[in-house]
Amino acid sequence: MPNSGVTSGDQCGQFYAAPINSTTWTLYNDDRYPLPTWFEKCGRASIPNDQNTGALAPFGRTGGFVPYNRMLDKDPFWLATPGFDHCTTADTTCTYQQGS
């Protein structure tokens, strides 16, 4: 994780993804780990395979982002979510907000 000071996933808040309904997913605290303090430098979540593969299909190995950028297995990359910067707590329902 670039410039975050994180050296281990154990320093992250631990969550899991689950559907709320047929079109909306949310993250819940993973009770196999301590509750987050909200001072963690990162968060990570378990994502069900069907959600993960569906969400990443446009990036696929055969015709999308991965081959276009010549990414190989184990290449590092950073994922950012612009438009969701205002999502600072689990008490917030986050919707996309276009930057100014």
PDB file of N, CA and C in Angstrom:
ATOM      1  N   MET A   1       0.833  -1.174   0.000  1.00  0.00           N
ATOM      2  CA  MET A   1       0.000   0.000   0.000  1.00  0.00           C
ATOM      3  C   MET A   1       0.879   1.240   0.000  1.00  0.00           C
ATOM      4  N   PRO A   2       0.912   1.928  -1.090  1.00  0.00           N
ATOM      5  CA  PRO A   2       1.852   3.035  -1.247  1.00  0.00           C
ATOM      6  C   PRO A   2       1.764   4.086  -0.151  1.00  0.00           C
ATOM      7  N   ASN A   3       2.903   4.413   0.431  1.00  0.00           N
ATOM      8  CA  ASN A   3       3.042   5.524   1.376  1.00  0.00           C
ATOM      9  C   ASN A   3       2.104   5.467   2.574  1.00  0.00           C
ATOM     10  N   SER A   4       1.550   4.316   2.891  1.00  0.00           N
ATOM     11  CA  SER A   4       0.604   4.246   4.005  1.00  0.00           C
ATOM     12  C   SER A   4       1.275   3.874   5.318  1.00  0.00           C
ATOM     13  N   GLY A   5       2.478   3.346   5.254  1.00  0.00           N
ATOM     14  CA  GLY A   5       3.143   2.895   6.455  1.00  0.00           C
ATOM     15  C   GLY A   5       2.679   1.521   6.910  1.00  0.00           C
ATOM     16  N   VAL A   6       1.799   0.878   6.152  1.00  0.00           N
ATOM     17  CA  VAL A   6       1.280  -0.440   6.505  1.00  0.00           C
ATOM     18  C   VAL A   6       2.269  -1.504   6.045  1.00  0.00           C
ATOM     19  N   THR A   7       2.646  -2.380   6.965  1.00  0.00           N
ATOM     20  CA  THR A   7       3.591  -3.444   6.637  1.00  0.00           C
ATOM     21  C   THR A   7       2.964  -4.820   6.709  1.00  0.00           C
ATOM     22  N   SER A   8       1.725  -4.899   7.206  1.00  0.00           N
ATOM     23  CA  SER A   8       1.041  -6.184   7.350  1.00  0.00           C
ATOM     24  C   SER A   8      -0.472  -5.972   7.294  1.00  0.00           C
ATOM     25  N   GLY A   9      -1.176  -6.929   6.710  1.00  0.00           N
ATOM     26  CA  GLY A   9      -2.631  -6.860   6.686  1.00  0.00           C
ATOM     27  C   GLY A   9      -3.250  -6.888   8.063  1.00  0.00           C
ATOM     28  N   ASP A  10      -2.503  -7.349   9.065  1.00  0.00           N
ATOM     29  CA  ASP A  10      -3.011  -7.363  10.440  1.00  0.00           C
ATOM     30  C   ASP A  10      -3.219  -5.954  10.992  1.00  0.00           C
ATOM     31  N   GLN A  11      -2.655  -4.958  10.327  1.00  0.00           N
ATOM     32  CA  GLN A  11      -2.810  -3.569  10.758  1.00  0.00           C
ATOM     33  C   GLN A  11      -4.079  -2.934  10.181  1.00  0.00           C
ATOM     34  N   CYS A  12      -4.812  -3.689   9.386  1.00  0.00           N
ATOM     35  CA  CYS A  12      -6.011  -3.173   8.716  1.00  0.00           C
ATOM     36  C   CYS A  12      -7.274  -3.553   9.472  1.00  0.00           C
ATOM     37  N   GLY A  13      -8.324  -2.756   9.298  1.00  0.00           N
ATOM     38  CA  GLY A  13      -9.637  -3.175   9.752  1.00  0.00           C
ATOM     39  C   GLY A  13     -10.085  -4.362   8.909  1.00  0.00           C
ATOM     40  N   GLN A  14     -10.736  -5.340   9.526  1.00  0.00           N
ATOM     41  CA  GLN A  14     -11.117  -6.574   8.835  1.00  0.00           C
ATOM     42  C   GLN A  14     -12.626  -6.603   8.609  1.00  0.00           C
ATOM     43  N   PHE A  15     -13.054  -6.813   7.367  1.00  0.00           N
ATOM     44  CA  PHE A  15     -14.465  -6.784   7.016  1.00  0.00           C
ATOM     45  C   PHE A  15     -14.807  -7.935   6.082  1.00  0.00           C
ATOM     46  N   TYR A  16     -16.085  -8.107   5.792  1.00  0.00           N
ATOM     47  CA  TYR A  16     -16.524  -9.034   4.747  1.00  0.00           C
ATOM     48  C   TYR A  16     -17.689  -8.393   4.013  1.00  0.00           C
ATOM     49  N   ALA A  17     -17.821  -8.735   2.744  1.00  0.00           N
ATOM     50  CA  ALA A  17     -18.888  -8.177   1.910  1.00  0.00           C
ATOM     51  C   ALA A  17     -20.075  -9.130   1.896  1.00  0.00           C
ATOM     52  N   ALA A  18     -21.264  -8.555   1.907  1.00  0.00           N
ATOM     53  CA  ALA A  18     -22.496  -9.352   1.824  1.00  0.00           C
ATOM     54  C   ALA A  18     -23.565  -8.521   1.114  1.00  0.00           C
ATOM     55  N   PRO A  19     -24.462  -9.179   0.395  1.00  0.00           N
ATOM     56  CA  PRO A  19     -25.507  -8.427  -0.300  1.00  0.00           C
ATOM     57  C   PRO A  19     -26.574  -7.922   0.665  1.00  0.00           C
ATOM     58  N   ILE A  20     -27.066  -6.717   0.397  1.00  0.00           N
ATOM     59  CA  ILE A  20     -28.229  -6.186   1.110  1.00  0.00           C
ATOM     60  C   ILE A  20     -29.488  -6.584   0.342  1.00  0.00           C
ATOM     61  N   ASN A  21     -29.392  -6.505  -0.984  1.00  0.00           N
ATOM     62  CA  ASN A  21     -30.477  -6.942  -1.875  1.00  0.00           C
ATOM     63  C   ASN A  21     -29.832  -7.364  -3.189  1.00  0.00           C
ATOM     64  N   SER A  22     -30.579  -7.473  -4.253  1.00  0.00           N
ATOM     65  CA  SER A  22     -30.038  -8.006  -5.509  1.00  0.00           C
ATOM     66  C   SER A  22     -29.079  -7.046  -6.219  1.00  0.00           C
ATOM     67  N   THR A  23     -29.034  -5.785  -5.819  1.00  0.00           N
ATOM     68  CA  THR A  23     -28.161  -4.829  -6.505  1.00  0.00           C
ATOM     69  C   THR A  23     -27.192  -4.096  -5.587  1.00  0.00           C
ATOM     70  N   THR A  24     -27.299  -4.278  -4.281  1.00  0.00           N
ATOM     71  CA  THR A  24     -26.490  -3.499  -3.342  1.00  0.00           C
ATOM     72  C   THR A  24     -25.739  -4.411  -2.385  1.00  0.00           C
ATOM     73  N   TRP A  25     -24.461  -4.128  -2.231  1.00  0.00           N
ATOM     74  CA  TRP A  25     -23.610  -4.873  -1.304  1.00  0.00           C
ATOM     75  C   TRP A  25     -23.118  -3.916  -0.228  1.00  0.00           C
ATOM     76  N   THR A  26     -22.750  -4.474   0.922  1.00  0.00           N
ATOM     77  CA  THR A  26     -22.182  -3.665   2.002  1.00  0.00           C
ATOM     78  C   THR A  26     -21.064  -4.442   2.681  1.00  0.00           C
ATOM     79  N   LEU A  27     -20.308  -3.746   3.507  1.00  0.00           N
ATOM     80  CA  LEU A  27     -19.256  -4.372   4.293  1.00  0.00           C
ATOM     81  C   LEU A  27     -19.686  -4.439   5.749  1.00  0.00           C
ATOM     82  N   TYR A  28     -19.402  -5.558   6.381  1.00  0.00           N
ATOM     83  CA  TYR A  28     -19.667  -5.765   7.802  1.00  0.00           C
ATOM     84  C   TYR A  28     -18.351  -6.058   8.508  1.00  0.00           C
ATOM     85  N   ASN A  29     -18.291  -5.780   9.809  1.00  0.00           N
ATOM     86  CA  ASN A  29     -17.125  -6.151  10.608  1.00  0.00           C
ATOM     87  C   ASN A  29     -16.991  -7.666  10.595  1.00  0.00           C
ATOM     88  N   ASP A  30     -15.786  -8.148  10.406  1.00  0.00           N
ATOM     89  CA  ASP A  30     -15.500  -9.582  10.453  1.00  0.00           C
ATOM     90  C   ASP A  30     -15.240  -9.938  11.909  1.00  0.00           C
ATOM     91  N   ASP A  31     -16.159 -10.683  12.529  1.00  0.00           N
ATOM     92  CA  ASP A  31     -16.047 -10.959  13.965  1.00  0.00           C
ATOM     93  C   ASP A  31     -14.969 -11.980  14.315  1.00  0.00           C
ATOM     94  N   ARG A  32     -14.222 -12.437  13.334  1.00  0.00           N
ATOM     95  CA  ARG A  32     -13.067 -13.294  13.622  1.00  0.00           C
ATOM     96  C   ARG A  32     -11.852 -12.465  14.029  1.00  0.00           C
ATOM     97  N   TYR A  33     -11.979 -11.131  13.927  1.00  0.00           N
ATOM     98  CA  TYR A  33     -10.901 -10.206  14.248  1.00  0.00           C
ATOM     99  C   TYR A  33     -11.410  -9.162  15.234  1.00  0.00           C
ATOM    100  N   PRO A  34     -10.509  -8.438  15.909  1.00  0.00           N
ATOM    101  CA  PRO A  34     -10.959  -7.369  16.814  1.00  0.00           C
ATOM    102  C   PRO A  34     -11.769  -6.315  16.039  1.00  0.00           C
ATOM    103  N   LEU A  35     -12.711  -5.697  16.737  1.00  0.00           N
ATOM    104  CA  LEU A  35     -13.482  -4.629  16.110  1.00  0.00           C
ATOM    105  C   LEU A  35     -12.545  -3.505  15.684  1.00  0.00           C
ATOM    106  N   PRO A  36     -12.833  -2.862  14.552  1.00  0.00           N
ATOM    107  CA  PRO A  36     -11.971  -1.755  14.140  1.00  0.00           C
ATOM    108  C   PRO A  36     -12.071  -0.584  15.112  1.00  0.00           C
ATOM    109  N   THR A  37     -10.970   0.110  15.248  1.00  0.00           N
ATOM    110  CA  THR A  37     -10.933   1.305  16.108  1.00  0.00           C
ATOM    111  C   THR A  37     -11.187   2.565  15.296  1.00  0.00           C
ATOM    112  N   TRP A  38     -11.153   2.447  13.960  1.00  0.00           N
ATOM    113  CA  TRP A  38     -11.286   3.546  12.991  1.00  0.00           C
ATOM    114  C   TRP A  38     -10.036   4.424  12.961  1.00  0.00           C
ATOM    115  N   PHE A  39      -8.957   3.920  13.588  1.00  0.00           N
ATOM    116  CA  PHE A  39      -7.672   4.580  13.452  1.00  0.00           C
ATOM    117  C   PHE A  39      -6.737   3.751  12.571  1.00  0.00           C
ATOM    118  N   GLU A  40      -7.242   2.639  12.015  1.00  0.00           N
ATOM    119  CA  GLU A  40      -6.441   1.804  11.127  1.00  0.00           C
ATOM    120  C   GLU A  40      -6.049   2.599   9.886  1.00  0.00           C
ATOM    121  N   LYS A  41      -4.897   2.264   9.336  1.00  0.00           N
ATOM    122  CA  LYS A  41      -4.426   2.940   8.130  1.00  0.00           C
ATOM    123  C   LYS A  41      -4.999   2.317   6.864  1.00  0.00           C
ATOM    124  N   CYS A  42      -5.682   1.184   6.997  1.00  0.00           N
ATOM    125  CA  CYS A  42      -6.226   0.514   5.829  1.00  0.00           C
ATOM    126  C   CYS A  42      -7.380  -0.386   6.268  1.00  0.00           C
ATOM    127  N   GLY A  43      -8.083  -0.886   5.308  1.00  0.00           N
ATOM    128  CA  GLY A  43      -9.130  -1.868   5.546  1.00  0.00           C
ATOM    129  C   GLY A  43      -9.030  -2.941   4.487  1.00  0.00           C
ATOM    130  N   ARG A  44      -9.412  -4.141   4.826  1.00  0.00           N
ATOM    131  CA  ARG A  44      -9.450  -5.219   3.842  1.00  0.00           C
ATOM    132  C   ARG A  44     -10.684  -6.046   4.113  1.00  0.00           C
ATOM    133  N   ALA A  45     -11.173  -6.696   3.068  1.00  0.00           N
ATOM    134  CA  ALA A  45     -12.427  -7.434   3.207  1.00  0.00           C
ATOM    135  C   ALA A  45     -12.384  -8.725   2.403  1.00  0.00           C
ATOM    136  N   SER A  46     -13.103  -9.723   2.896  1.00  0.00           N
ATOM    137  CA  SER A  46     -13.342 -10.944   2.142  1.00  0.00           C
ATOM    138  C   SER A  46     -14.497 -10.662   1.199  1.00  0.00           C
ATOM    139  N   ILE A  47     -14.303 -10.949  -0.067  1.00  0.00           N
ATOM    140  CA  ILE A  47     -15.312 -10.699  -1.084  1.00  0.00           C
ATOM    141  C   ILE A  47     -15.722 -12.042  -1.679  1.00  0.00           C
ATOM    142  N   PRO A  48     -17.035 -12.370  -1.680  1.00  0.00           N
ATOM    143  CA  PRO A  48     -17.464 -13.642  -2.274  1.00  0.00           C
ATOM    144  C   PRO A  48     -17.039 -13.739  -3.736  1.00  0.00           C
ATOM    145  N   ASN A  49     -16.725 -14.933  -4.178  1.00  0.00           N
ATOM    146  CA  ASN A  49     -16.217 -15.153  -5.522  1.00  0.00           C
ATOM    147  C   ASN A  49     -17.145 -14.603  -6.605  1.00  0.00           C
ATOM    148  N   ASP A  50     -18.465 -14.810  -6.480  1.00  0.00           N
ATOM    149  CA  ASP A  50     -19.359 -14.338  -7.540  1.00  0.00           C
ATOM    150  C   ASP A  50     -19.357 -12.816  -7.637  1.00  0.00           C
ATOM    151  N   GLN A  51     -19.271 -12.109  -6.519  1.00  0.00           N
ATOM    152  CA  GLN A  51     -19.197 -10.651  -6.538  1.00  0.00           C
ATOM    153  C   GLN A  51     -17.853 -10.193  -7.098  1.00  0.00           C
ATOM    154  N   ASN A  52     -16.798 -10.836  -6.686  1.00  0.00           N
ATOM    155  CA  ASN A  52     -15.459 -10.457  -7.132  1.00  0.00           C
ATOM    156  C   ASN A  52     -15.289 -10.676  -8.631  1.00  0.00           C
ATOM    157  N   THR A  53     -15.662 -11.825  -9.128  1.00  0.00           N
ATOM    158  CA  THR A  53     -15.477 -12.097 -10.545  1.00  0.00           C
ATOM    159  C   THR A  53     -16.410 -11.249 -11.402  1.00  0.00           C
ATOM    160  N   GLY A  54     -17.617 -10.982 -10.930  1.00  0.00           N
ATOM    161  CA  GLY A  54     -18.535 -10.133 -11.682  1.00  0.00           C
ATOM    162  C   GLY A  54     -18.060  -8.700 -11.744  1.00  0.00           C
ATOM    163  N   ALA A  55     -17.582  -8.182 -10.620  1.00  0.00           N
ATOM    164  CA  ALA A  55     -17.136  -6.794 -10.570  1.00  0.00           C
ATOM    165  C   ALA A  55     -15.877  -6.582 -11.401  1.00  0.00           C
ATOM    166  N   LEU A  56     -15.029  -7.580 -11.464  1.00  0.00           N
ATOM    167  CA  LEU A  56     -13.760  -7.414 -12.165  1.00  0.00           C
ATOM    168  C   LEU A  56     -13.770  -7.950 -13.587  1.00  0.00           C
ATOM    169  N   ALA A  57     -14.897  -8.455 -14.055  1.00  0.00           N
ATOM    170  CA  ALA A  57     -14.961  -9.016 -15.404  1.00  0.00           C
ATOM    171  C   ALA A  57     -14.448  -8.056 -16.478  1.00  0.00           C
ATOM    172  N   PRO A  58     -14.769  -6.750 -16.421  1.00  0.00           N
ATOM    173  CA  PRO A  58     -14.269  -5.849 -17.465  1.00  0.00           C
ATOM    174  C   PRO A  58     -12.739  -5.707 -17.483  1.00  0.00           C
ATOM    175  N   PHE A  59     -12.090  -6.106 -16.387  1.00  0.00           N
ATOM    176  CA  PHE A  59     -10.638  -5.997 -16.320  1.00  0.00           C
ATOM    177  C   PHE A  59      -9.949  -7.264 -16.803  1.00  0.00           C
ATOM    178  N   GLY A  60     -10.710  -8.284 -17.142  1.00  0.00           N
ATOM    179  CA  GLY A  60     -10.273  -9.641 -17.431  1.00  0.00           C
ATOM    180  C   GLY A  60      -8.935  -9.871 -18.089  1.00  0.00           C
ATOM    181  N   ARG A  61      -8.526 -11.097 -18.023  1.00  0.00           N
ATOM    182  CA  ARG A  61      -7.233 -11.509 -18.559  1.00  0.00           C
ATOM    183  C   ARG A  61      -7.216 -11.558 -20.081  1.00  0.00           C
ATOM    184  N   THR A  62      -8.367 -11.647 -20.724  1.00  0.00           N
ATOM    185  CA  THR A  62      -8.358 -11.874 -22.167  1.00  0.00           C
ATOM    186  C   THR A  62      -8.772 -10.678 -23.010  1.00  0.00           C
ATOM    187  N   GLY A  63      -9.263  -9.604 -22.422  1.00  0.00           N
ATOM    188  CA  GLY A  63      -9.684  -8.522 -23.295  1.00  0.00           C
ATOM    189  C   GLY A  63      -9.921  -7.215 -22.579  1.00  0.00           C
ATOM    190  N   GLY A  64      -9.217  -6.955 -21.523  1.00  0.00           N
ATOM    191  CA  GLY A  64      -9.486  -5.732 -20.791  1.00  0.00           C
ATOM    192  C   GLY A  64      -8.228  -5.108 -20.225  1.00  0.00           C
ATOM    193  N   PHE A  65      -8.373  -4.543 -19.065  1.00  0.00           N
ATOM    194  CA  PHE A  65      -7.329  -3.780 -18.390  1.00  0.00           C
ATOM    195  C   PHE A  65      -6.029  -4.560 -18.207  1.00  0.00           C
ATOM    196  N   VAL A  66      -6.131  -5.815 -17.762  1.00  0.00           N
ATOM    197  CA  VAL A  66      -4.940  -6.607 -17.443  1.00  0.00           C
ATOM    198  C   VAL A  66      -4.033  -6.797 -18.655  1.00  0.00           C
ATOM    199  N   PRO A  67      -4.529  -7.339 -19.768  1.00  0.00           N
ATOM    200  CA  PRO A  67      -3.611  -7.513 -20.903  1.00  0.00           C
ATOM    201  C   PRO A  67      -3.199  -6.183 -21.546  1.00  0.00           C
ATOM    202  N   TYR A  68      -4.101  -5.214 -21.567  1.00  0.00           N
ATOM    203  CA  TYR A  68      -3.789  -3.925 -22.175  1.00  0.00           C
ATOM    204  C   TYR A  68      -2.607  -3.253 -21.476  1.00  0.00           C
ATOM    205  N   ASN A  69      -2.530  -3.406 -20.157  1.00  0.00           N
ATOM    206  CA  ASN A  69      -1.445  -2.815 -19.379  1.00  0.00           C
ATOM    207  C   ASN A  69      -0.300  -3.782 -19.122  1.00  0.00           C
ATOM    208  N   ARG A  70      -0.357  -4.917 -19.794  1.00  0.00           N
ATOM    209  CA  ARG A  70       0.718  -5.926 -19.720  1.00  0.00           C
ATOM    210  C   ARG A  70       1.013  -6.358 -18.293  1.00  0.00           C
ATOM    211  N   MET A  71      -0.045  -6.512 -17.497  1.00  0.00           N
ATOM    212  CA  MET A  71       0.134  -6.960 -16.121  1.00  0.00           C
ATOM    213  C   MET A  71       0.381  -8.455 -16.088  1.00  0.00           C
ATOM    214  N   LEU A  72       1.259  -8.864 -15.217  1.00  0.00           N
ATOM    215  CA  LEU A  72       1.573 -10.271 -15.017  1.00  0.00           C
ATOM    216  C   LEU A  72       1.169 -10.682 -13.612  1.00  0.00           C
ATOM    217  N   ASP A  73       1.060 -11.992 -13.385  1.00  0.00           N
ATOM    218  CA  ASP A  73       0.764 -12.480 -12.046  1.00  0.00           C
ATOM    219  C   ASP A  73       1.768 -11.894 -11.052  1.00  0.00           C
ATOM    220  N   LYS A  74       1.260 -11.510  -9.894  1.00  0.00           N
ATOM    221  CA  LYS A  74       2.040 -10.974  -8.783  1.00  0.00           C
ATOM    222  C   LYS A  74       2.572  -9.563  -9.033  1.00  0.00           C
ATOM    223  N   ASP A  75       2.149  -8.904 -10.122  1.00  0.00           N
ATOM    224  CA  ASP A  75       2.502  -7.497 -10.299  1.00  0.00           C
ATOM    225  C   ASP A  75       1.757  -6.679  -9.256  1.00  0.00           C
ATOM    226  N   PRO A  76       2.438  -5.756  -8.575  1.00  0.00           N
ATOM    227  CA  PRO A  76       1.741  -4.909  -7.601  1.00  0.00           C
ATOM    228  C   PRO A  76       0.876  -3.864  -8.310  1.00  0.00           C
ATOM    229  N   PHE A  77      -0.230  -3.488  -7.684  1.00  0.00           N
ATOM    230  CA  PHE A  77      -1.052  -2.409  -8.197  1.00  0.00           C
ATOM    231  C   PHE A  77      -1.810  -1.793  -7.039  1.00  0.00           C
ATOM    232  N   TRP A  78      -2.309  -0.592  -7.225  1.00  0.00           N
ATOM    233  CA  TRP A  78      -3.040   0.138  -6.190  1.00  0.00           C
ATOM    234  C   TRP A  78      -4.412   0.467  -6.736  1.00  0.00           C
ATOM    235  N   LEU A  79      -5.435   0.203  -5.953  1.00  0.00           N
ATOM    236  CA  LEU A  79      -6.807   0.484  -6.342  1.00  0.00           C
ATOM    237  C   LEU A  79      -7.306   1.678  -5.544  1.00  0.00           C
ATOM    238  N   ALA A  80      -7.769   2.701  -6.216  1.00  0.00           N
ATOM    239  CA  ALA A  80      -8.336   3.881  -5.570  1.00  0.00           C
ATOM    240  C   ALA A  80      -9.810   3.987  -5.950  1.00  0.00           C
ATOM    241  N   THR A  81     -10.583   4.668  -5.138  1.00  0.00           N
ATOM    242  CA  THR A  81     -12.012   4.823  -5.401  1.00  0.00           C
ATOM    243  C   THR A  81     -12.393   6.302  -5.393  1.00  0.00           C
ATOM    244  N   PRO A  82     -11.942   7.053  -6.401  1.00  0.00           N
ATOM    245  CA  PRO A  82     -12.309   8.468  -6.465  1.00  0.00           C
ATOM    246  C   PRO A  82     -13.825   8.630  -6.492  1.00  0.00           C
ATOM    247  N   GLY A  83     -14.302   9.660  -5.848  1.00  0.00           N
ATOM    248  CA  GLY A  83     -15.739   9.868  -5.762  1.00  0.00           C
ATOM    249  C   GLY A  83     -16.335   9.305  -4.490  1.00  0.00           C
ATOM    250  N   PHE A  84     -15.538   8.525  -3.765  1.00  0.00           N
ATOM    251  CA  PHE A  84     -15.990   7.963  -2.495  1.00  0.00           C
ATOM    252  C   PHE A  84     -15.120   8.441  -1.337  1.00  0.00           C
ATOM    253  N   ASP A  85     -14.354   9.508  -1.554  1.00  0.00           N
ATOM    254  CA  ASP A  85     -13.453  10.030  -0.524  1.00  0.00           C
ATOM    255  C   ASP A  85     -14.201  10.485   0.725  1.00  0.00           C
ATOM    256  N   HIS A  86     -15.456  10.834   0.585  1.00  0.00           N
ATOM    257  CA  HIS A  86     -16.262  11.307   1.712  1.00  0.00           C
ATOM    258  C   HIS A  86     -16.712  10.158   2.616  1.00  0.00           C
ATOM    259  N   CYS A  87     -16.478   8.932   2.218  1.00  0.00           N
ATOM    260  CA  CYS A  87     -16.886   7.759   3.002  1.00  0.00           C
ATOM    261  C   CYS A  87     -15.851   7.508   4.091  1.00  0.00           C
ATOM    262  N   THR A  88     -16.059   8.113   5.242  1.00  0.00           N
ATOM    263  CA  THR A  88     -15.043   8.065   6.288  1.00  0.00           C
ATOM    264  C   THR A  88     -15.417   7.189   7.470  1.00  0.00           C
ATOM    265  N   THR A  89     -16.680   6.772   7.577  1.00  0.00           N
ATOM    266  CA  THR A  89     -17.078   5.897   8.685  1.00  0.00           C
ATOM    267  C   THR A  89     -18.067   4.863   8.184  1.00  0.00           C
ATOM    268  N   ALA A  90     -18.242   3.829   8.958  1.00  0.00           N
ATOM    269  CA  ALA A  90     -19.207   2.789   8.612  1.00  0.00           C
ATOM    270  C   ALA A  90     -20.640   3.274   8.810  1.00  0.00           C
ATOM    271  N   ASP A  91     -20.811   4.429   9.456  1.00  0.00           N
ATOM    272  CA  ASP A  91     -22.147   4.982   9.667  1.00  0.00           C
ATOM    273  C   ASP A  91     -22.652   5.753   8.451  1.00  0.00           C
ATOM    274  N   THR A  92     -21.816   5.876   7.425  1.00  0.00           N
ATOM    275  CA  THR A  92     -22.172   6.643   6.240  1.00  0.00           C
ATOM    276  C   THR A  92     -22.624   5.699   5.136  1.00  0.00           C
ATOM    277  N   THR A  93     -23.764   5.990   4.520  1.00  0.00           N
ATOM    278  CA  THR A  93     -24.139   5.296   3.294  1.00  0.00           C
ATOM    279  C   THR A  93     -23.494   6.064   2.170  1.00  0.00           C
ATOM    280  N   CYS A  94     -22.601   5.433   1.470  1.00  0.00           N
ATOM    281  CA  CYS A  94     -21.788   6.130   0.476  1.00  0.00           C
ATOM    282  C   CYS A  94     -22.373   5.994  -0.913  1.00  0.00           C
ATOM    283  N   THR A  95     -22.470   7.114  -1.586  1.00  0.00           N
ATOM    284  CA  THR A  95     -22.836   7.152  -2.987  1.00  0.00           C
ATOM    285  C   THR A  95     -21.778   7.974  -3.715  1.00  0.00           C
ATOM    286  N   TYR A  96     -21.631   7.704  -4.970  1.00  0.00           N
ATOM    287  CA  TYR A  96     -20.613   8.398  -5.764  1.00  0.00           C
ATOM    288  C   TYR A  96     -20.879   9.889  -5.801  1.00  0.00           C
ATOM    289  N   GLN A  97     -19.814  10.660  -5.594  1.00  0.00           N
ATOM    290  CA  GLN A  97     -19.889  12.109  -5.706  1.00  0.00           C
ATOM    291  C   GLN A  97     -18.768  12.567  -6.648  1.00  0.00           C
ATOM    292  N   GLN A  98     -19.135  13.168  -7.755  1.00  0.00           N
ATOM    293  CA  GLN A  98     -18.144  13.623  -8.713  1.00  0.00           C
ATOM    294  C   GLN A  98     -17.374  14.795  -8.139  1.00  0.00           C
ATOM    295  N   GLY A  99     -16.048  14.761  -8.278  1.00  0.00           N
ATOM    296  CA  GLY A  99     -15.204  15.821  -7.765  1.00  0.00           C
ATOM    297  C   GLY A  99     -15.402  17.119  -8.519  1.00  0.00           C
ATOM    298  N   SER A 100     -14.973  18.206  -7.891  1.00  0.00           N
ATOM    299  CA  SER A 100     -15.128  19.512  -8.553  1.00  0.00           C
ATOM    300  C   SER A 100     -13.927  19.822  -9.409  1.00  0.00           C
TER     301      SER A 100
END
